[in-house]
Protein backbone atom coordinates (compact mmCIF):
# COMPACT_ATOMS: atom_id res chain seq x y z
CA UNK A 1 -8.55 -7.73 30.90
CA UNK A 2 -6.78 -4.57 29.47
CA UNK A 3 -5.72 -6.71 26.53
CA UNK A 4 -9.40 -7.98 25.90
CA UNK A 5 -10.78 -4.51 26.07
CA UNK A 6 -8.20 -3.38 23.57
CA UNK A 7 -9.40 -6.25 21.00
CA UNK A 8 -13.04 -5.77 21.64
CA UNK A 9 -12.79 -1.92 21.07
CA UNK A 10 -10.68 -2.43 17.97
CA UNK A 11 -13.17 -4.90 16.22
CA UNK A 12 -15.98 -2.51 17.19
CA UNK A 13 -14.03 0.45 15.61
CA UNK A 14 -13.63 -1.82 12.58
CA UNK A 15 -17.32 -2.38 12.42
CA UNK A 16 -18.23 1.00 12.64
CA UNK A 17 -15.73 2.16 9.99
CA UNK A 18 -17.20 -0.65 7.67
CA UNK A 19 -20.57 0.83 8.07
CA UNK A 20 -19.39 4.27 7.39
CA UNK A 21 -17.42 3.41 4.23
CA UNK A 22 -20.44 1.47 2.96
CA UNK A 23 -22.37 4.96 3.02
CA UNK A 24 -19.39 6.66 1.51
CA UNK A 25 -19.33 4.22 -1.46
CA UNK A 26 -22.99 4.78 -2.07
CA UNK A 27 -22.70 8.49 -2.10
CA UNK A 28 -19.76 8.12 -4.47
CA UNK A 29 -21.65 5.85 -7.01
CA UNK A 30 -24.79 8.14 -6.84
CA UNK A 31 -22.64 11.14 -7.92
CA UNK A 32 -20.86 9.43 -10.68
CA UNK A 33 -22.76 10.32 -13.94
CA UNK A 34 -22.05 7.05 -15.77
CA UNK A 35 -22.51 4.59 -12.85
CA UNK A 36 -25.32 6.07 -10.87
CA UNK A 37 -28.01 4.42 -12.82
CA UNK A 38 -25.98 1.34 -13.94
CA UNK A 39 -26.82 -1.66 -11.61
CA UNK A 40 -24.33 -3.95 -13.18
CA UNK A 41 -21.47 -1.27 -12.86
CA UNK A 42 -22.67 -0.68 -9.33
CA UNK A 43 -22.44 -4.20 -8.08
CA UNK A 44 -19.28 -4.92 -10.06
CA UNK A 45 -17.53 -1.97 -8.21
CA UNK A 46 -18.78 -3.43 -4.96
CA UNK A 47 -17.45 -6.91 -5.49
CA UNK A 48 -14.22 -5.24 -7.02
CA UNK A 49 -13.94 -3.35 -3.83
CA UNK A 50 -14.73 -6.44 -1.65
CA UNK A 51 -12.15 -8.66 -3.38
CA UNK A 52 -9.49 -6.23 -3.07
CA UNK A 53 -10.34 -5.44 0.69
CA UNK A 54 -10.11 -9.29 1.43
CA UNK A 55 -6.62 -9.43 -0.27
CA UNK A 56 -5.05 -6.33 1.07
CA UNK A 57 -6.21 -6.98 4.62
CA UNK A 58 -5.00 -10.58 4.62
CA UNK A 59 -1.63 -9.46 3.16
CA UNK A 60 -1.27 -6.66 5.60
CA UNK A 61 -1.96 -8.44 8.84
CA UNK A 62 -1.77 -12.30 8.06
CA UNK A 63 1.21 -11.65 5.64
CA UNK A 64 3.53 -8.70 5.81
CA UNK A 65 3.18 -8.04 9.61
CA UNK A 66 3.30 -11.72 10.82
CA UNK A 67 6.12 -12.35 8.31
CA UNK A 68 8.36 -10.00 9.77
CA UNK A 69 8.28 -11.67 13.25
CA UNK A 70 8.04 -15.13 11.97
CA UNK A 71 11.47 -14.77 10.18
CA UNK A 72 13.19 -13.86 13.38
CA UNK A 73 11.34 -16.99 15.22
CA UNK A 74 13.04 -19.08 12.39
CA UNK A 75 16.40 -17.80 13.38
CA UNK A 76 17.09 -14.72 11.10
CA UNK A 77 19.51 -12.05 12.73
CA UNK A 78 18.06 -8.68 13.66
CA UNK A 79 19.74 -6.97 10.53
CA UNK A 80 18.00 -9.43 8.28
CA UNK A 81 14.49 -7.93 8.99
CA UNK A 82 15.00 -4.74 7.44
CA UNK A 83 16.58 -6.37 4.29
CA UNK A 84 13.80 -8.96 4.12
CA UNK A 85 11.01 -6.35 4.49
CA UNK A 86 12.63 -4.36 1.70
CA UNK A 87 12.77 -7.60 -0.49
CA UNK A 88 9.15 -8.08 0.09
CA UNK A 89 8.01 -4.59 -0.93
CA UNK A 90 10.56 -4.63 -3.77
CA UNK A 91 9.01 -7.93 -5.18
CA UNK A 92 5.48 -6.49 -4.44
CA UNK A 93 6.35 -3.30 -6.43
CA UNK A 94 7.76 -5.13 -9.26
CA UNK A 95 4.63 -7.39 -9.35
CA UNK A 96 2.32 -4.20 -9.35
CA UNK A 97 4.35 -3.25 -12.43
CA UNK A 98 4.40 -6.43 -14.18
CA UNK A 99 0.64 -7.22 -13.41
CA UNK A 100 -0.46 -3.70 -14.72
CA UNK A 101 1.39 -4.35 -17.93
CA UNK A 102 0.11 -7.74 -18.48
CA UNK A 103 -3.54 -6.40 -17.79
CA UNK A 104 -3.02 -3.89 -20.48
CA UNK A 105 -1.65 -6.46 -22.91
CA UNK A 106 -4.17 -9.25 -22.26
CA UNK A 107 -7.20 -7.75 -20.51
CA UNK A 108 -9.69 -10.16 -19.01
CA UNK A 109 -8.90 -8.53 -15.63
CA UNK A 110 -11.53 -10.71 -13.81
CA UNK A 111 -9.70 -13.90 -14.69
CA UNK A 112 -6.20 -12.36 -13.68
CA UNK A 113 -7.42 -11.51 -10.28
CA UNK A 114 -8.98 -15.03 -9.61
CA UNK A 115 -5.53 -16.56 -11.15
CA UNK A 116 -3.46 -14.46 -8.76
CA UNK A 117 -5.83 -15.41 -5.79
CA UNK A 118 -5.53 -19.10 -6.67
CA UNK A 119 -1.91 -18.99 -6.88
CA UNK A 120 -1.65 -17.18 -3.51
CA UNK A 121 -3.68 -19.84 -1.77
CA UNK A 122 -1.53 -22.48 -3.03
CA UNK A 123 1.58 -20.79 -1.59
CA UNK A 124 0.25 -20.38 1.73
CA UNK A 125 -0.42 -24.11 2.21
CA UNK A 126 3.34 -25.24 2.82
CA UNK A 127 4.37 -21.97 4.97
CA UNK A 128 3.86 -23.34 8.45
CA UNK A 129 6.01 -26.42 7.88
CA UNK A 130 9.26 -25.06 6.41
CA UNK A 131 12.34 -23.23 7.30
CA UNK A 132 13.57 -19.83 6.90
CA UNK A 133 15.21 -20.04 3.38
CA UNK A 134 12.10 -21.74 2.05
CA UNK A 135 9.89 -19.44 3.97
CA UNK A 136 11.59 -16.41 2.59
CA UNK A 137 11.47 -17.69 -0.91
CA UNK A 138 7.73 -18.63 -0.82
CA UNK A 139 6.76 -15.46 0.73
CA UNK A 140 8.51 -13.45 -2.00
CA UNK A 141 6.77 -15.31 -4.83
CA UNK A 142 3.52 -14.41 -2.77
CA UNK A 143 4.34 -10.84 -2.65
CA UNK A 144 4.69 -10.71 -6.49
CA UNK A 145 1.26 -12.41 -6.93
CA UNK A 146 -0.12 -9.86 -4.64
CA UNK A 147 1.11 -7.01 -7.03
CA UNK A 148 -2.06 -7.87 -8.73
CA UNK A 149 -4.20 -5.86 -6.35
CA UNK A 150 -3.29 -2.82 -8.34
CA UNK A 151 -5.62 -3.94 -11.18
CA UNK A 152 -8.92 -3.14 -8.94
CA UNK A 153 -7.58 0.49 -8.58
CA UNK A 154 -7.45 0.90 -12.39
CA UNK A 155 -11.08 -0.60 -12.50
CA UNK A 156 -12.31 1.72 -9.77
CA UNK A 157 -10.97 4.75 -11.51
CA UNK A 158 -12.98 3.88 -14.91
CA UNK A 159 -16.25 3.19 -12.97
CA UNK A 160 -15.74 6.42 -11.21
CA UNK A 161 -13.94 8.55 -13.73
CA UNK A 162 -15.10 11.83 -12.57
CA UNK A 163 -14.08 11.15 -8.94
CA UNK A 164 -11.22 8.85 -9.51
CA UNK A 165 -9.34 10.35 -6.53
CA UNK A 166 -12.02 9.56 -4.05
CA UNK A 167 -12.53 6.06 -5.66
CA UNK A 168 -8.99 5.16 -5.01
CA UNK A 169 -9.07 6.67 -1.60
CA UNK A 170 -12.01 4.47 -0.68
CA UNK A 171 -10.36 1.38 -2.19
CA UNK A 172 -7.22 1.94 0.14
CA UNK A 173 -9.51 2.75 3.18
CA UNK A 174 -11.73 -0.48 2.98
CA UNK A 175 -8.73 -2.80 2.65
CA UNK A 176 -7.05 -1.24 5.92
CA UNK A 177 -10.47 -0.97 7.47
CA UNK A 178 -10.69 -4.84 7.49
CA UNK A 179 -7.11 -5.07 8.49
CA UNK A 180 -7.94 -3.17 11.57
CA UNK A 181 -10.39 -5.99 12.68
CA UNK A 182 -7.73 -8.57 11.75
CA UNK A 183 -5.02 -6.72 13.59
CA UNK A 184 -7.27 -7.30 16.91
CA UNK A 185 -6.86 -10.86 16.67
CA UNK A 186 -3.80 -11.55 14.48
CA UNK A 187 -1.10 -11.22 17.19
CA UNK A 188 -2.72 -13.16 19.55
CA UNK A 189 -3.55 -15.93 16.79
CA UNK A 190 0.23 -16.16 15.94
CA UNK A 191 1.37 -16.19 19.32
CA UNK A 192 -0.82 -18.85 20.61
CA UNK A 193 -1.00 -21.27 17.50
CA UNK A 194 1.79 -20.22 15.18
CA UNK A 195 1.97 -20.14 11.56
CA UNK A 196 -0.52 -22.72 10.95
CA UNK A 197 -3.42 -20.84 12.30
CA UNK A 198 -2.21 -17.78 10.06
CA UNK A 199 -2.03 -19.92 7.04
CA UNK A 200 -5.57 -21.32 7.63
CA UNK A 201 -7.02 -17.75 7.96
CA UNK A 202 -5.24 -16.60 4.93
CA UNK A 203 -6.49 -19.39 2.70
CA UNK A 204 -9.97 -18.70 3.67
CA UNK A 205 -9.73 -15.07 3.08
CA UNK A 206 -7.71 -15.15 -0.17
CA UNK A 207 -10.44 -17.69 -1.38
CA UNK A 208 -13.22 -15.37 -0.52
CA UNK A 209 -11.47 -12.62 -2.42
CA UNK A 210 -11.42 -14.99 -5.57
CA UNK A 211 -15.19 -15.37 -5.22
CA UNK A 212 -15.75 -11.73 -4.99
CA UNK A 213 -14.02 -11.18 -8.32
CA UNK A 214 -15.74 -14.02 -9.84
CA UNK A 215 -19.01 -12.08 -9.31
CA UNK A 216 -17.64 -9.06 -11.28
CA UNK A 217 -19.49 -8.43 -14.68
CA UNK A 218 -19.31 -6.33 -17.70
CA UNK A 219 -17.04 -5.33 -20.51
CA UNK A 220 -14.38 -3.55 -18.25
CA UNK A 221 -13.54 -6.90 -16.48
CA UNK A 222 -13.94 -9.19 -19.63
CA UNK A 223 -12.63 -7.22 -22.43
CA UNK A 224 -9.34 -8.50 -24.25
CA UNK A 225 -6.25 -6.13 -24.11
CA UNK A 226 -4.51 -4.47 -26.73
CA UNK A 227 -3.82 -7.09 -29.44
CA UNK A 228 -0.81 -6.56 -31.42
CA UNK A 229 1.36 -4.75 -29.02
CA UNK A 230 4.47 -5.68 -27.25
CA UNK A 231 5.65 -5.55 -23.60
CA UNK A 232 9.13 -4.06 -23.63
CA UNK A 233 11.13 -2.05 -21.05
CA UNK A 234 10.94 1.10 -22.97
CA UNK A 235 7.26 0.95 -23.73
CA UNK A 236 6.53 0.43 -19.85
CA UNK A 237 7.90 3.90 -19.14
CA UNK A 238 6.49 5.69 -22.15
CA UNK A 239 3.59 7.92 -21.68
CA UNK A 240 1.73 10.43 -23.87
CA UNK A 241 1.98 13.05 -21.03
CA UNK A 242 5.31 14.44 -19.72
CA UNK A 243 4.34 14.39 -16.01
CA UNK A 244 4.37 10.84 -15.06
CA UNK A 245 8.13 10.49 -14.99
CA UNK A 246 8.49 13.76 -13.00
CA UNK A 247 5.92 12.43 -10.50
CA UNK A 248 7.63 8.88 -10.13
CA UNK A 249 11.05 10.64 -9.14
CA UNK A 250 9.20 12.51 -6.25
CA UNK A 251 7.43 9.56 -5.14
CA UNK A 252 10.74 7.61 -5.05
CA UNK A 253 12.55 10.17 -3.21
CA UNK A 254 9.84 10.34 -0.58
CA UNK A 255 9.56 6.42 -0.54
CA UNK A 256 13.34 5.67 -0.05
CA UNK A 257 13.56 7.17 3.64
CA UNK A 258 10.12 5.88 4.24
CA UNK A 259 11.17 2.35 3.74
CA UNK A 260 14.27 2.86 5.95
CA UNK A 261 12.15 4.45 8.89
CA UNK A 262 8.74 3.89 8.74
CA UNK A 263 8.69 0.24 7.49
CA UNK A 264 10.89 -0.93 10.28
CA UNK A 265 9.64 1.29 13.16
CA UNK A 266 7.19 -1.57 14.24
CA UNK A 267 10.43 -3.90 14.91
CA UNK A 268 12.35 -1.02 16.70
CA UNK A 269 9.29 -0.52 19.07
CA UNK A 270 9.14 -4.06 19.57
CA UNK A 271 12.68 -4.19 20.81
CA UNK A 272 11.90 -1.15 23.43
CA UNK A 273 9.67 -3.82 25.24
CA UNK A 274 6.45 -4.24 23.72
CA UNK A 275 4.95 -7.68 23.46
CA UNK A 276 3.49 -9.03 20.13
CA UNK A 277 -0.22 -8.83 20.90
CA UNK A 278 0.10 -5.06 21.88
CA UNK A 279 2.13 -4.48 18.63
CA UNK A 280 -0.44 -5.86 16.43
CA UNK A 281 -3.26 -3.91 18.22
CA UNK A 282 -1.06 -0.95 18.00
CA UNK A 283 -0.73 -1.53 14.21
CA UNK A 284 -4.42 -1.95 13.78
CA UNK A 285 -5.13 1.59 15.32
CA UNK A 286 -2.48 3.04 13.12
CA UNK A 287 -4.37 1.56 10.24
CA UNK A 288 -7.67 2.70 11.60
CA UNK A 289 -6.43 6.27 11.86
CA UNK A 290 -5.25 5.87 8.18
CA UNK A 291 -8.74 4.52 7.06
CA UNK A 292 -10.24 7.89 7.99
CA UNK A 293 -7.42 9.71 6.11
CA UNK A 294 -7.61 7.52 3.06
CA UNK A 295 -11.24 8.10 2.85
CA UNK A 296 -10.72 12.02 2.83
CA UNK A 297 -7.54 11.86 0.95
CA UNK A 298 -9.10 11.26 -2.42
CA UNK A 299 -11.38 14.07 -1.76
CA UNK A 300 -8.60 16.35 -0.92
CA UNK A 301 -6.65 15.26 -3.91
CA UNK A 302 -9.65 16.08 -6.20
CA UNK A 303 -10.28 19.59 -4.58
CA UNK A 304 -6.78 21.03 -4.21
CA UNK A 305 -4.66 18.84 -6.33
CA UNK A 306 -2.98 15.59 -5.86
CA UNK A 307 0.62 17.18 -6.40
CA UNK A 308 0.04 19.44 -3.49
CA UNK A 309 -1.13 16.38 -1.14
CA UNK A 310 2.07 14.56 -2.38
CA UNK A 311 4.38 17.35 -1.29
CA UNK A 312 2.43 17.66 2.06
CA UNK A 313 2.99 13.85 2.67
CA UNK A 314 6.63 14.25 2.25
CA UNK A 315 6.74 17.45 4.57
CA UNK A 316 4.83 15.60 7.22
CA UNK A 317 7.10 12.62 7.03
CA UNK A 318 10.05 14.85 7.41
CA UNK A 319 8.84 16.69 10.37
CA UNK A 320 7.41 13.66 12.36
CA UNK A 321 9.95 11.08 11.65
CA UNK A 322 12.89 13.41 12.19
CA UNK A 323 11.55 13.48 15.73
CA UNK A 324 11.24 9.95 15.97
CA UNK A 325 14.65 9.26 14.91
CA UNK A 326 16.05 11.37 17.86
CA UNK A 327 15.30 8.22 20.02
CA UNK A 328 12.12 9.67 22.05
CA UNK A 329 10.68 7.80 25.07
CA UNK A 330 8.50 4.73 24.00
CA UNK A 331 5.13 6.71 24.57
CA UNK A 332 6.17 9.54 22.31
CA UNK A 333 7.64 7.00 19.65
CA UNK A 334 4.34 5.21 19.75
CA UNK A 335 2.17 8.50 19.27
CA UNK A 336 4.40 9.42 16.14
CA UNK A 337 3.83 5.86 14.64
CA UNK A 338 0.10 6.38 15.27
CA UNK A 339 0.00 9.57 13.13
CA UNK A 340 -1.45 8.69 9.67
CA UNK A 341 0.49 10.09 6.86
CA UNK A 342 0.78 7.28 4.33
CA UNK A 343 -2.70 7.73 2.92
CA UNK A 344 -1.61 10.85 1.58
CA UNK A 345 1.42 9.44 -0.23
CA UNK A 346 -0.47 6.38 -1.73
CA UNK A 347 -3.70 8.23 -2.61
CA UNK A 348 -1.78 11.17 -4.35
CA UNK A 349 0.58 9.09 -6.27
CA UNK A 350 -2.12 6.94 -7.48
CA UNK A 351 -4.39 9.82 -8.42
CA UNK A 352 -1.67 11.65 -10.26
CA UNK A 353 -0.95 8.77 -12.38
CA UNK A 354 -4.52 8.14 -13.14
CA UNK A 355 -4.96 11.76 -14.03
CA UNK A 356 -1.90 11.84 -16.41
CA UNK A 357 -2.33 8.74 -18.25
CA UNK A 358 -4.67 7.70 -21.02
CA UNK A 359 -7.21 4.97 -20.56
CA UNK A 360 -5.11 2.71 -22.49
CA UNK A 361 -2.16 3.52 -20.06
CA UNK A 362 -4.20 3.41 -17.02
CA UNK A 363 -3.39 -0.31 -15.70
CA UNK A 364 0.28 0.30 -16.19
CA UNK A 365 0.37 3.79 -14.95
CA UNK A 366 -1.36 3.00 -11.64
CA UNK A 367 0.85 -0.23 -11.63
CA UNK A 368 4.19 1.77 -11.89
CA UNK A 369 2.83 4.34 -9.26
CA UNK A 370 2.78 1.20 -6.57
CA UNK A 371 6.01 -0.08 -7.95
CA UNK A 372 7.96 2.96 -7.47
CA UNK A 373 6.47 3.53 -3.84
CA UNK A 374 7.38 -0.11 -2.99
CA UNK A 375 10.85 -0.31 -4.75
CA UNK A 376 11.89 2.96 -3.33
CA UNK A 377 10.82 1.63 0.37
CA UNK A 378 12.98 -1.66 -0.67
CA UNK A 379 16.09 0.62 -1.42
CA UNK A 380 15.42 2.42 1.69
CA UNK A 381 15.01 -0.70 4.04
CA UNK A 382 18.01 -2.27 2.34
CA UNK A 383 20.13 0.85 3.12
CA UNK A 384 18.87 0.42 6.79
CA UNK A 385 19.86 -3.17 7.02
CA UNK A 386 23.45 -2.41 5.58
CA UNK A 387 23.86 0.45 8.09
CA UNK A 388 22.80 -2.06 10.96
CA UNK A 389 25.14 -4.65 9.61
CA UNK A 390 27.98 -2.18 9.58
CA UNK A 391 27.30 -0.91 13.03
CA UNK A 392 27.06 -4.71 14.25
CA UNK A 393 27.49 -5.72 18.02
CA UNK A 394 29.29 -2.48 18.74
CA UNK A 395 25.96 -1.02 19.67
CA UNK A 396 22.64 -2.29 20.79
CA UNK A 397 19.88 -3.46 18.35
CA UNK A 398 17.84 -0.32 19.43
CA UNK A 399 20.91 1.97 18.53
CA UNK A 400 21.39 0.23 15.30
CA UNK A 401 17.87 1.14 14.25
CA UNK A 402 18.04 4.57 15.42
CA UNK A 403 21.25 5.32 13.58
CA UNK A 404 19.64 3.64 10.43
CA UNK A 405 16.75 6.05 10.79
CA UNK A 406 18.88 9.12 11.47
CA UNK A 407 20.99 8.87 8.37
CA UNK A 408 17.74 8.84 6.13
CA UNK A 409 16.09 11.87 7.46
CA UNK A 410 18.09 14.27 4.99
CA UNK A 411 16.48 12.49 2.18
CA UNK A 412 12.97 13.22 3.39
CA UNK A 413 14.04 17.08 3.08
CA UNK A 414 15.04 16.45 -0.52
CA UNK A 415 11.98 14.73 -1.43
CA UNK A 416 9.86 17.31 0.03
CA UNK A 417 11.70 19.93 -1.88
CA UNK A 418 10.98 18.05 -5.15
CA UNK A 419 7.54 17.78 -4.51
CA UNK A 420 7.35 21.62 -3.97
CA UNK A 421 9.06 22.06 -7.23
CA UNK A 422 6.67 19.64 -9.10
CA UNK A 423 3.52 21.57 -7.62
CA UNK A 424 5.12 24.89 -8.98
CA UNK A 425 5.85 23.54 -12.43
CA UNK A 426 2.30 22.07 -12.73
CA UNK A 427 0.71 25.25 -11.80
CA UNK A 428 3.02 27.31 -14.12
CA UNK A 429 2.06 24.61 -17.10
CA UNK A 430 -1.59 24.91 -16.14
CA UNK A 431 -1.42 28.70 -16.26
CA UNK A 432 0.38 28.60 -19.57
CA UNK A 433 -2.39 26.57 -20.98
CA UNK A 434 -5.27 28.57 -19.79
CA UNK A 435 -3.61 31.74 -21.16
CA UNK A 436 -2.92 30.09 -24.40
CA UNK A 437 -6.68 29.01 -24.77
CA UNK A 438 -7.73 32.53 -24.04
CA UNK A 439 -5.43 33.95 -26.67
CA UNK A 440 -6.79 31.53 -29.23
């Protein structure tokens, strides 16, 4: 009965947040000078938002969260799970990078999103019927295709150019909002019917995302890219502004320990005695709290500066997860797990790259922002796997996780310090530019 009550309350929370986010979207578009009276742009913004929402929610609950437990069911050892999660986020990050560069080069962003969805649907079909190694390979290819989800962020920042931080936060929030509702049933669905039910649900949702992208209209989604340009490694990291590379270093130094600790914390909590259905509902409530944070994180970035928000994310991770790594009783560990922070990291990094790139660099810049977040988490998760493998059977699985967490905490302190230095450098540069303008 308590499990049913948790499921029902989680779904109701998801519905309530959907209505709230709808009002937030209307307010955002009404306040945007270039979009408020443009009905085609408003509809395309909404379809873009809906398509990405279906993709992210499907990936989060029917993909990433299920996959971590399914590989163990297929026979993977405990140390393999952090390595596998790291590989998933690494490939997703590389995909974000690559799809952003391709969108800059080729344009036709509506077609690209529909193509990505079609390929993901095709990859879902064999997943219930294959063993560990083929499952890992196919899920990694799927993660690369899902890197295309960064393109809708670039589109949103163009439709709401005056309030791009809030638009990006709203994009994150809606995807996680639907994941809240899916989380209420995904654990029970997988526990009762296995990977086949998950694959069927995934095919339906990814197919729905493709239909949403099909409904987008206008020059922004149909225009060709930059003809006559080449995509090369040096060009991918070249920007007119000097700030993007500094921003990416800070994001990387926060993301590495996050990958080692936060990414693997759900598996650690499961080893302390929680069942899968409860874990999925717990994950759903963590997402629900982050939906609220995502919605306002963009507004905060626009008002006080995204660089300050990025630094705050590093500091909060350091404080809360240093406590988590001590090995607190399960109730306290779950409480820390539920505290939302990731919305500050994701939204601030996206907003900073959107702000410090030109329109021609926007797809690539936002893609690189995601790539660094996820590649950093991959590095951290791989380090956690290596630490657990080195400890081996000399300690319990719970102790293996805890030591992999503890050794990463100092990196969070380094990331916080670098964020503070970035904030100071940007403030000094802005003050210098104002002074120069006054003197002229």
